[in-house]
N, C-alpha and C. Protein backbone atom coordinates (compact mmCIF):
# COMPACT_ATOMS: atom_id res chain seq x y z
N MET A 1 20.39 67.27 102.57
CA MET A 1 21.53 68.31 102.05
C MET A 1 22.12 67.42 101.11
N LYS A 2 22.25 66.51 100.90
CA LYS A 2 22.57 65.87 99.77
C LYS A 2 22.03 65.99 98.29
N SER A 3 20.23 65.54 98.98
CA SER A 3 19.93 65.54 97.52
C SER A 3 19.44 66.91 97.50
N TYR A 4 19.73 68.31 97.89
CA TYR A 4 19.23 69.19 97.59
C TYR A 4 20.71 69.93 96.45
N TYR A 5 21.64 69.69 97.09
CA TYR A 5 22.65 69.55 95.77
C TYR A 5 22.73 68.97 94.61
N LEU A 6 22.03 67.74 94.79
CA LEU A 6 21.84 66.77 93.58
C LEU A 6 20.67 67.19 92.68
N LYS A 7 20.25 67.86 92.86
CA LYS A 7 19.20 68.68 92.39
C LYS A 7 18.81 70.03 91.69
N ARG A 8 20.41 70.18 91.84
CA ARG A 8 21.02 71.88 91.24
C ARG A 8 22.30 71.65 90.23
N LYS A 9 22.14 72.77 89.51
CA LYS A 9 22.96 72.82 88.13
C LYS A 9 24.19 73.36 88.95
N ILE A 10 25.43 72.69 88.12
CA ILE A 10 26.70 72.91 88.66
C ILE A 10 26.82 74.30 88.72
N LYS A 11 26.65 75.56 87.93
CA LYS A 11 26.85 76.46 88.52
C LYS A 11 26.35 77.18 89.75
N THR A 12 25.09 76.87 89.95
CA THR A 12 24.72 76.95 91.71
C THR A 12 25.38 76.47 92.39
N ILE A 13 26.30 74.98 92.15
CA ILE A 13 27.27 74.71 93.40
C ILE A 13 28.02 74.95 93.24
N GLY A 14 28.46 75.62 92.20
CA GLY A 14 29.72 76.39 92.15
C GLY A 14 29.75 77.85 93.06
N LYS A 15 28.66 78.21 93.23
CA LYS A 15 28.32 79.68 94.02
C LYS A 15 28.33 79.21 95.29
N HIS A 16 27.74 78.10 95.41
CA HIS A 16 27.70 77.62 97.41
C HIS A 16 29.17 77.46 97.61
N ILE A 17 29.86 76.79 96.84
CA ILE A 17 31.23 76.46 96.98
C ILE A 17 31.87 77.60 97.48
N ASN A 18 32.22 78.62 96.59
CA ASN A 18 32.89 79.91 96.50
C ASN A 18 32.05 80.87 97.50
N ASN A 19 31.09 80.82 98.13
CA ASN A 19 30.71 81.43 99.40
C ASN A 19 31.12 80.53 100.45
N VAL A 20 31.18 79.69 100.36
CA VAL A 20 32.14 78.81 101.65
C VAL A 20 33.70 79.23 101.66
N LEU A 21 34.20 79.15 100.63
CA LEU A 21 35.50 79.32 100.74
C LEU A 21 35.65 80.76 101.13
N LYS A 22 35.00 81.94 100.61
CA LYS A 22 35.09 83.13 101.10
C LYS A 22 34.99 83.40 102.43
N GLU A 23 33.91 82.94 102.99
CA GLU A 23 33.12 82.97 104.01
C GLU A 23 33.49 81.96 105.03
N GLU A 24 34.09 80.89 104.66
CA GLU A 24 34.35 80.34 106.16
C GLU A 24 35.91 79.86 105.90
N LEU A 25 36.16 79.21 105.31
CA LEU A 25 37.69 78.45 104.78
C LEU A 25 38.50 79.56 104.55
N ASP A 26 40.35 79.11 105.02
CA ASP A 26 41.25 79.87 104.35
C ASP A 26 41.42 79.29 103.44
N ASN A 27 42.25 80.10 102.45
CA ASN A 27 42.53 79.15 100.90
C ASN A 27 43.57 78.32 101.16
N GLN A 28 43.42 76.98 101.59
CA GLN A 28 44.56 76.19 101.84
C GLN A 28 43.71 74.61 101.32
N VAL A 29 44.51 73.68 101.03
CA VAL A 29 44.33 72.71 100.17
C VAL A 29 42.95 71.84 101.07
N VAL A 30 42.23 71.15 99.96
CA VAL A 30 40.92 70.80 100.83
C VAL A 30 40.76 69.74 100.31
N VAL A 31 40.45 68.48 100.80
CA VAL A 31 39.83 67.00 100.36
C VAL A 31 38.72 67.04 99.83
N ALA A 32 39.01 65.95 98.57
CA ALA A 32 37.52 65.75 98.03
C ALA A 32 37.51 64.30 97.79
N LYS A 33 36.64 63.69 98.67
CA LYS A 33 35.81 62.06 98.57
C LYS A 33 34.95 61.75 97.36
N PHE A 34 34.75 63.32 96.60
CA PHE A 34 34.01 62.49 95.16
C PHE A 34 34.35 63.90 94.46
N ALA A 35 34.36 63.19 92.86
CA ALA A 35 34.66 64.05 92.12
C ALA A 35 33.89 64.16 90.99
N THR A 36 33.61 65.02 89.87
CA THR A 36 32.47 64.29 88.95
C THR A 36 33.31 64.45 87.67
N VAL A 37 33.53 63.19 87.12
CA VAL A 37 34.46 63.29 85.59
C VAL A 37 33.64 63.12 84.33
N GLN A 38 33.73 63.42 83.29
CA GLN A 38 33.20 63.43 82.13
C GLN A 38 33.93 61.59 81.76
N ASN A 39 32.52 61.01 81.23
CA ASN A 39 33.31 59.68 80.67
C ASN A 39 32.58 59.14 79.18
N GLU A 40 32.79 59.62 78.26
CA GLU A 40 31.90 58.97 77.25
C GLU A 40 30.75 59.35 77.11
N GLY A 41 30.67 60.75 77.03
CA GLY A 41 29.71 62.04 76.74
C GLY A 41 28.46 61.74 78.12
N THR A 42 28.80 61.33 79.15
CA THR A 42 28.15 61.12 80.18
C THR A 42 28.72 61.97 81.63
N THR A 43 28.07 62.27 82.57
CA THR A 43 28.47 62.87 83.37
C THR A 43 28.12 61.65 84.63
N MET A 44 29.60 61.08 85.35
CA MET A 44 29.26 60.38 86.63
C MET A 44 30.04 60.66 87.92
N LEU A 45 29.76 60.37 89.00
CA LEU A 45 30.20 60.39 89.89
C LEU A 45 30.88 59.51 90.52
N VAL A 46 32.53 59.71 90.56
CA VAL A 46 32.75 58.89 91.31
C VAL A 46 34.09 59.04 92.82
N ASN A 47 34.41 58.02 93.35
CA ASN A 47 34.93 57.88 94.67
C ASN A 47 36.16 58.54 94.54
N SER A 48 36.95 59.74 94.65
CA SER A 48 37.92 59.72 94.63
C SER A 48 38.86 60.26 95.95
N GLU A 49 40.11 59.77 95.87
CA GLU A 49 40.75 60.54 97.37
C GLU A 49 41.97 61.94 96.71
N PHE A 50 41.54 62.26 95.63
CA PHE A 50 42.48 63.18 95.30
C PHE A 50 42.32 64.74 96.07
N VAL A 51 43.38 65.07 95.78
CA VAL A 51 43.29 66.66 96.67
C VAL A 51 43.10 67.57 95.89
N ALA A 52 41.83 68.21 96.28
CA ALA A 52 41.68 69.76 95.28
C ALA A 52 42.42 70.36 95.55
N LEU A 53 42.84 70.94 94.55
CA LEU A 53 44.21 72.19 94.89
C LEU A 53 43.06 73.55 94.36
N LEU A 54 42.40 74.13 95.09
CA LEU A 54 41.59 74.90 94.66
C LEU A 54 42.18 76.61 94.28
N LYS A 55 42.12 77.14 93.58
CA LYS A 55 42.45 78.78 93.24
C LYS A 55 43.85 78.19 93.39
N GLN A 56 44.62 77.15 92.54
CA GLN A 56 46.29 77.55 92.35
C GLN A 56 46.52 77.94 91.39
N ALA A 57 47.36 78.59 90.98
CA ALA A 57 48.07 79.05 89.98
C ALA A 57 48.84 77.73 89.27
N ASN A 58 48.81 77.12 87.90
CA ASN A 58 49.50 75.92 87.65
C ASN A 58 50.82 75.38 88.27
N THR A 59 51.87 76.76 88.16
CA THR A 59 52.98 76.06 88.70
C THR A 59 53.10 76.08 90.33
N ASP A 60 51.81 76.55 91.05
CA ASP A 60 51.56 75.96 92.43
C ASP A 60 51.32 74.64 92.85
N SER A 61 50.05 74.18 92.11
CA SER A 61 49.34 73.03 91.72
C SER A 61 50.51 72.08 91.42
N SER A 62 51.66 72.17 90.40
CA SER A 62 51.82 71.11 90.27
C SER A 62 53.66 70.71 91.71
N LYS A 63 53.38 72.13 92.14
CA LYS A 63 54.31 71.83 93.10
C LYS A 63 54.00 71.18 94.39
N ARG A 64 52.86 71.26 94.74
CA ARG A 64 51.90 70.68 95.82
C ARG A 64 51.26 69.46 95.33
N ALA A 65 51.23 69.17 94.19
CA ALA A 65 51.11 67.44 93.78
C ALA A 65 52.21 66.83 93.86
N ALA A 66 53.22 67.08 93.58
CA ALA A 66 54.29 66.46 94.00
C ALA A 66 54.76 66.56 95.55
N VAL A 67 54.65 67.36 96.34
CA VAL A 67 54.51 67.00 98.01
C VAL A 67 53.64 65.97 98.48
N ILE A 68 52.69 65.65 97.60
CA ILE A 68 51.35 64.94 98.25
C ILE A 68 51.29 63.53 97.46
N GLY A 69 52.30 63.44 96.25
CA GLY A 69 52.63 62.12 95.89
C GLY A 69 51.81 61.56 94.50
N VAL A 70 51.12 63.12 93.82
CA VAL A 70 50.04 63.08 92.62
C VAL A 70 51.27 62.87 91.23
N SER A 71 50.87 62.01 90.91
CA SER A 71 51.18 61.77 89.14
C SER A 71 51.37 62.65 88.31
N ASP A 72 51.92 63.06 87.26
CA ASP A 72 51.85 64.04 86.42
C ASP A 72 50.77 64.29 85.70
N ALA A 73 50.19 62.43 85.02
CA ALA A 73 49.08 62.12 84.71
C ALA A 73 48.05 62.41 85.55
N GLN A 74 47.76 62.37 86.66
CA GLN A 74 46.81 62.07 87.94
C GLN A 74 46.62 63.59 87.91
N LEU A 75 47.26 64.52 87.79
CA LEU A 75 47.11 65.94 87.84
C LEU A 75 46.67 66.57 86.95
N ARG A 76 47.34 66.42 85.82
CA ARG A 76 46.57 66.45 84.27
C ARG A 76 45.01 65.99 84.30
N PHE A 77 44.39 64.76 84.72
CA PHE A 77 43.32 64.36 84.69
C PHE A 77 42.69 65.28 85.68
N VAL A 78 42.89 65.70 86.74
CA VAL A 78 42.35 66.23 87.98
C VAL A 78 42.03 67.73 87.12
N THR A 79 42.93 68.26 86.45
CA THR A 79 42.96 69.88 86.35
C THR A 79 42.88 69.84 84.78
N LYS A 80 42.49 68.61 84.48
CA LYS A 80 41.60 68.43 83.06
C LYS A 80 42.38 69.43 81.91
N GLN A 81 44.13 69.28 82.16
CA GLN A 81 44.92 69.47 81.35
C GLN A 81 45.05 68.75 80.08
N SER A 82 45.26 68.95 78.71
CA SER A 82 46.26 68.20 77.89
C SER A 82 46.99 67.24 77.87
N VAL A 83 46.96 66.02 77.54
CA VAL A 83 48.35 64.91 77.94
C VAL A 83 48.89 65.82 76.67
N GLN A 84 50.19 65.52 76.99
CA GLN A 84 51.06 66.03 75.76
C GLN A 84 52.51 64.99 75.76
């Protein structure tokens, strides 16, 4: 199954994830072991213990991040917000 997704485009994987969220999961916090990040113009897969805050408003994600101990810098990185 892993090789199936690695050969697909990001949009295709996103559609599969959205279908899972609609059909099988409640809108709750989901733990992600891996995250795709951008590094020097290349995409790489890194091991990550971050919690993915799916479909959350910025204010909600900030509150949840505080509860689980995610720093402001880590939250900006995960949500791709610019550093201020």
